[in-house]
Structures are given as C-alpha cells and as structure tokens.
Amino acid sequence: MDEIAELTPTFSNVSFKFLDEVGSVQWPCNESAPMGTPIMHIDHFVRGKGLFIETDYEPTEEKTNRKFPMLLTTGRSTK
C-alpha cells in the first residue's frame, strides 16, 4: 500500500495502518481530502469522459460453467 500511495497522488494518504484505523476509504484520499471523498466525481471526471470503441467479437478459450456463469472482460485485445 505504501508503494501505491507513493506513486499515485489520489492514494497519497492511504496506508495499511490508516485502513486498519478507519476500515475503508473512498479515493481520492490525499492532502485535500484526508478522510477520502464521499462522492468521487463532482462536475467532471478526473480523466475526462470514457472512450467507447466498437470491437469485433473474439471468442476466448474460457467458457462459462455452473461455478462461473459469466465471463468478464478487461477491455484487453489480442491484436
């Protein structure tokens, strides 16, 4: 957690000790919001609006079954 806090400004005040004390926290959690932010996006998104791109269907080796009834995607592409 310390490495994430050091490298990512939106987590700069988060540590395992802090999480043990408060339980959980909504990011951003930094100098301007030391206890986190109850509403993540107000008026605008931090990195702008999402970019949606239509992609062709690519079948995967993974299959659904009784234990895992859904396949989730991360948006990765093999191309």
C-alpha atoms as a PDB file:
ATOM      1  CA  MET A   1       0.000   0.000   0.000  1.00  0.00           C
ATOM      2  CA  ASP A   2       2.869   2.394   0.725  1.00  0.00           C
ATOM      3  CA  GLU A   3       4.204   1.956  -2.816  1.00  0.00           C
ATOM      4  CA  ILE A   4       0.775   2.697  -4.320  1.00  0.00           C
ATOM      5  CA  ALA A   5       0.391   5.790  -2.114  1.00  0.00           C
ATOM      6  CA  GLU A   6       3.850   6.984  -3.127  1.00  0.00           C
ATOM      7  CA  LEU A   7       3.226   6.561  -6.869  1.00  0.00           C
ATOM      8  CA  THR A   8      -0.453   7.533  -7.152  1.00  0.00           C
ATOM      9  CA  PRO A   9      -1.457  11.014  -5.932  1.00  0.00           C
ATOM     10  CA  THR A  10      -5.106  10.011  -5.396  1.00  0.00           C
ATOM     11  CA  PHE A  11      -3.955   7.487  -2.746  1.00  0.00           C
ATOM     12  CA  SER A  12      -1.255   9.626  -1.112  1.00  0.00           C
ATOM     13  CA  ASN A  13      -2.775   9.450   2.398  1.00  0.00           C
ATOM     14  CA  VAL A  14      -3.650   5.731   2.328  1.00  0.00           C
ATOM     15  CA  SER A  15      -1.634   3.162   4.268  1.00  0.00           C
ATOM     16  CA  PHE A  16      -2.406  -0.206   5.829  1.00  0.00           C
ATOM     17  CA  LYS A  17      -2.248   1.472   9.260  1.00  0.00           C
ATOM     18  CA  PHE A  18      -4.778   4.093   8.134  1.00  0.00           C
ATOM     19  CA  LEU A  19      -7.087   1.419   6.679  1.00  0.00           C
ATOM     20  CA  ASP A  20      -6.843  -0.606   9.912  1.00  0.00           C
ATOM     21  CA  GLU A  21      -7.941   2.500  11.837  1.00  0.00           C
ATOM     22  CA  VAL A  22     -10.800   3.691   9.591  1.00  0.00           C
ATOM     23  CA  GLY A  23     -11.855   0.441   7.905  1.00  0.00           C
ATOM     24  CA  SER A  24     -12.169   1.691   4.353  1.00  0.00           C
ATOM     25  CA  VAL A  25     -11.885   4.917   2.441  1.00  0.00           C
ATOM     26  CA  GLN A  26     -13.182   6.225  -0.892  1.00  0.00           C
ATOM     27  CA  TRP A  27     -10.499   7.679  -3.138  1.00  0.00           C
ATOM     28  CA  PRO A  28      -9.265  10.239  -3.767  1.00  0.00           C
ATOM     29  CA  CYS A  29      -7.694  10.268  -0.331  1.00  0.00           C
ATOM     30  CA  ASN A  30      -4.936  12.882  -0.285  1.00  0.00           C
ATOM     31  CA  GLU A  31      -3.974  16.179   1.348  1.00  0.00           C
ATOM     32  CA  SER A  32      -7.119  17.949   0.105  1.00  0.00           C
ATOM     33  CA  ALA A  33      -9.374  15.072   1.273  1.00  0.00           C
ATOM     34  CA  PRO A  34      -7.529  13.333   4.152  1.00  0.00           C
ATOM     35  CA  MET A  35     -10.515  11.111   5.062  1.00  0.00           C
ATOM     36  CA  GLY A  36     -11.405  10.326   1.477  1.00  0.00           C
ATOM     37  CA  THR A  37     -14.146  11.655  -0.754  1.00  0.00           C
ATOM     38  CA  PRO A  38     -17.776  10.548  -0.281  1.00  0.00           C
ATOM     39  CA  ILE A  39     -18.627  11.425  -3.914  1.00  0.00           C
ATOM     40  CA  MET A  40     -15.943  10.505  -6.421  1.00  0.00           C
ATOM     41  CA  HIS A  41     -16.885  12.712  -9.391  1.00  0.00           C
ATOM     42  CA  ILE A  42     -18.494  16.136  -8.994  1.00  0.00           C
ATOM     43  CA  ASP A  43     -18.989  18.352 -12.075  1.00  0.00           C
ATOM     44  CA  HIS A  44     -16.424  16.434 -14.156  1.00  0.00           C
ATOM     45  CA  PHE A  45     -14.485  13.188 -14.383  1.00  0.00           C
ATOM     46  CA  VAL A  46     -10.819  13.262 -13.332  1.00  0.00           C
ATOM     47  CA  ARG A  47      -9.575  11.850 -16.658  1.00  0.00           C
ATOM     48  CA  GLY A  48     -12.379  13.107 -18.907  1.00  0.00           C
ATOM     49  CA  LYS A  49     -15.273  11.093 -20.281  1.00  0.00           C
ATOM     50  CA  GLY A  50     -14.926   7.422 -21.119  1.00  0.00           C
ATOM     51  CA  LEU A  51     -13.904   6.348 -24.591  1.00  0.00           C
ATOM     52  CA  PHE A  52     -16.124   3.624 -26.026  1.00  0.00           C
ATOM     53  CA  ILE A  53     -14.923   1.770 -29.095  1.00  0.00           C
ATOM     54  CA  GLU A  54     -16.842  -0.847 -31.023  1.00  0.00           C
ATOM     55  CA  THR A  55     -14.826  -4.033 -31.339  1.00  0.00           C
ATOM     56  CA  ASP A  56     -15.279  -7.270 -33.216  1.00  0.00           C
ATOM     57  CA  TYR A  57     -16.238 -10.367 -31.240  1.00  0.00           C
ATOM     58  CA  GLU A  58     -13.267 -12.579 -30.421  1.00  0.00           C
ATOM     59  CA  PRO A  59     -14.103 -15.968 -28.883  1.00  0.00           C
ATOM     60  CA  THR A  60     -11.942 -16.947 -25.922  1.00  0.00           C
ATOM     61  CA  GLU A  61     -10.733 -20.253 -24.543  1.00  0.00           C
ATOM     62  CA  GLU A  62     -12.564 -19.517 -21.288  1.00  0.00           C
ATOM     63  CA  LYS A  63     -16.064 -20.978 -21.058  1.00  0.00           C
ATOM     64  CA  THR A  64     -18.893 -20.414 -18.617  1.00  0.00           C
ATOM     65  CA  ASN A  65     -19.975 -23.200 -16.296  1.00  0.00           C
ATOM     66  CA  ARG A  66     -22.123 -23.721 -13.202  1.00  0.00           C
ATOM     67  CA  LYS A  67     -19.455 -22.329 -10.868  1.00  0.00           C
ATOM     68  CA  PHE A  68     -18.516 -19.405 -13.146  1.00  0.00           C
ATOM     69  CA  PRO A  69     -21.681 -18.418 -15.074  1.00  0.00           C
ATOM     70  CA  MET A  70     -20.291 -15.165 -16.515  1.00  0.00           C
ATOM     71  CA  LEU A  71     -17.224 -14.045 -18.423  1.00  0.00           C
ATOM     72  CA  LEU A  72     -15.973 -10.565 -17.638  1.00  0.00           C
ATOM     73  CA  THR A  73     -13.669  -8.552 -19.840  1.00  0.00           C
ATOM     74  CA  THR A  74     -10.987  -6.018 -19.014  1.00  0.00           C
ATOM     75  CA  GLY A  75     -11.061  -4.481 -22.457  1.00  0.00           C
ATOM     76  CA  ARG A  76      -7.848  -6.170 -23.463  1.00  0.00           C
ATOM     77  CA  SER A  77      -7.276  -7.112 -27.057  1.00  0.00           C
ATOM     78  CA  THR A  78      -5.009  -9.772 -28.532  1.00  0.00           C
ATOM     79  CA  LYS A  79      -4.447  -7.713 -31.682  1.00  0.00           C
END
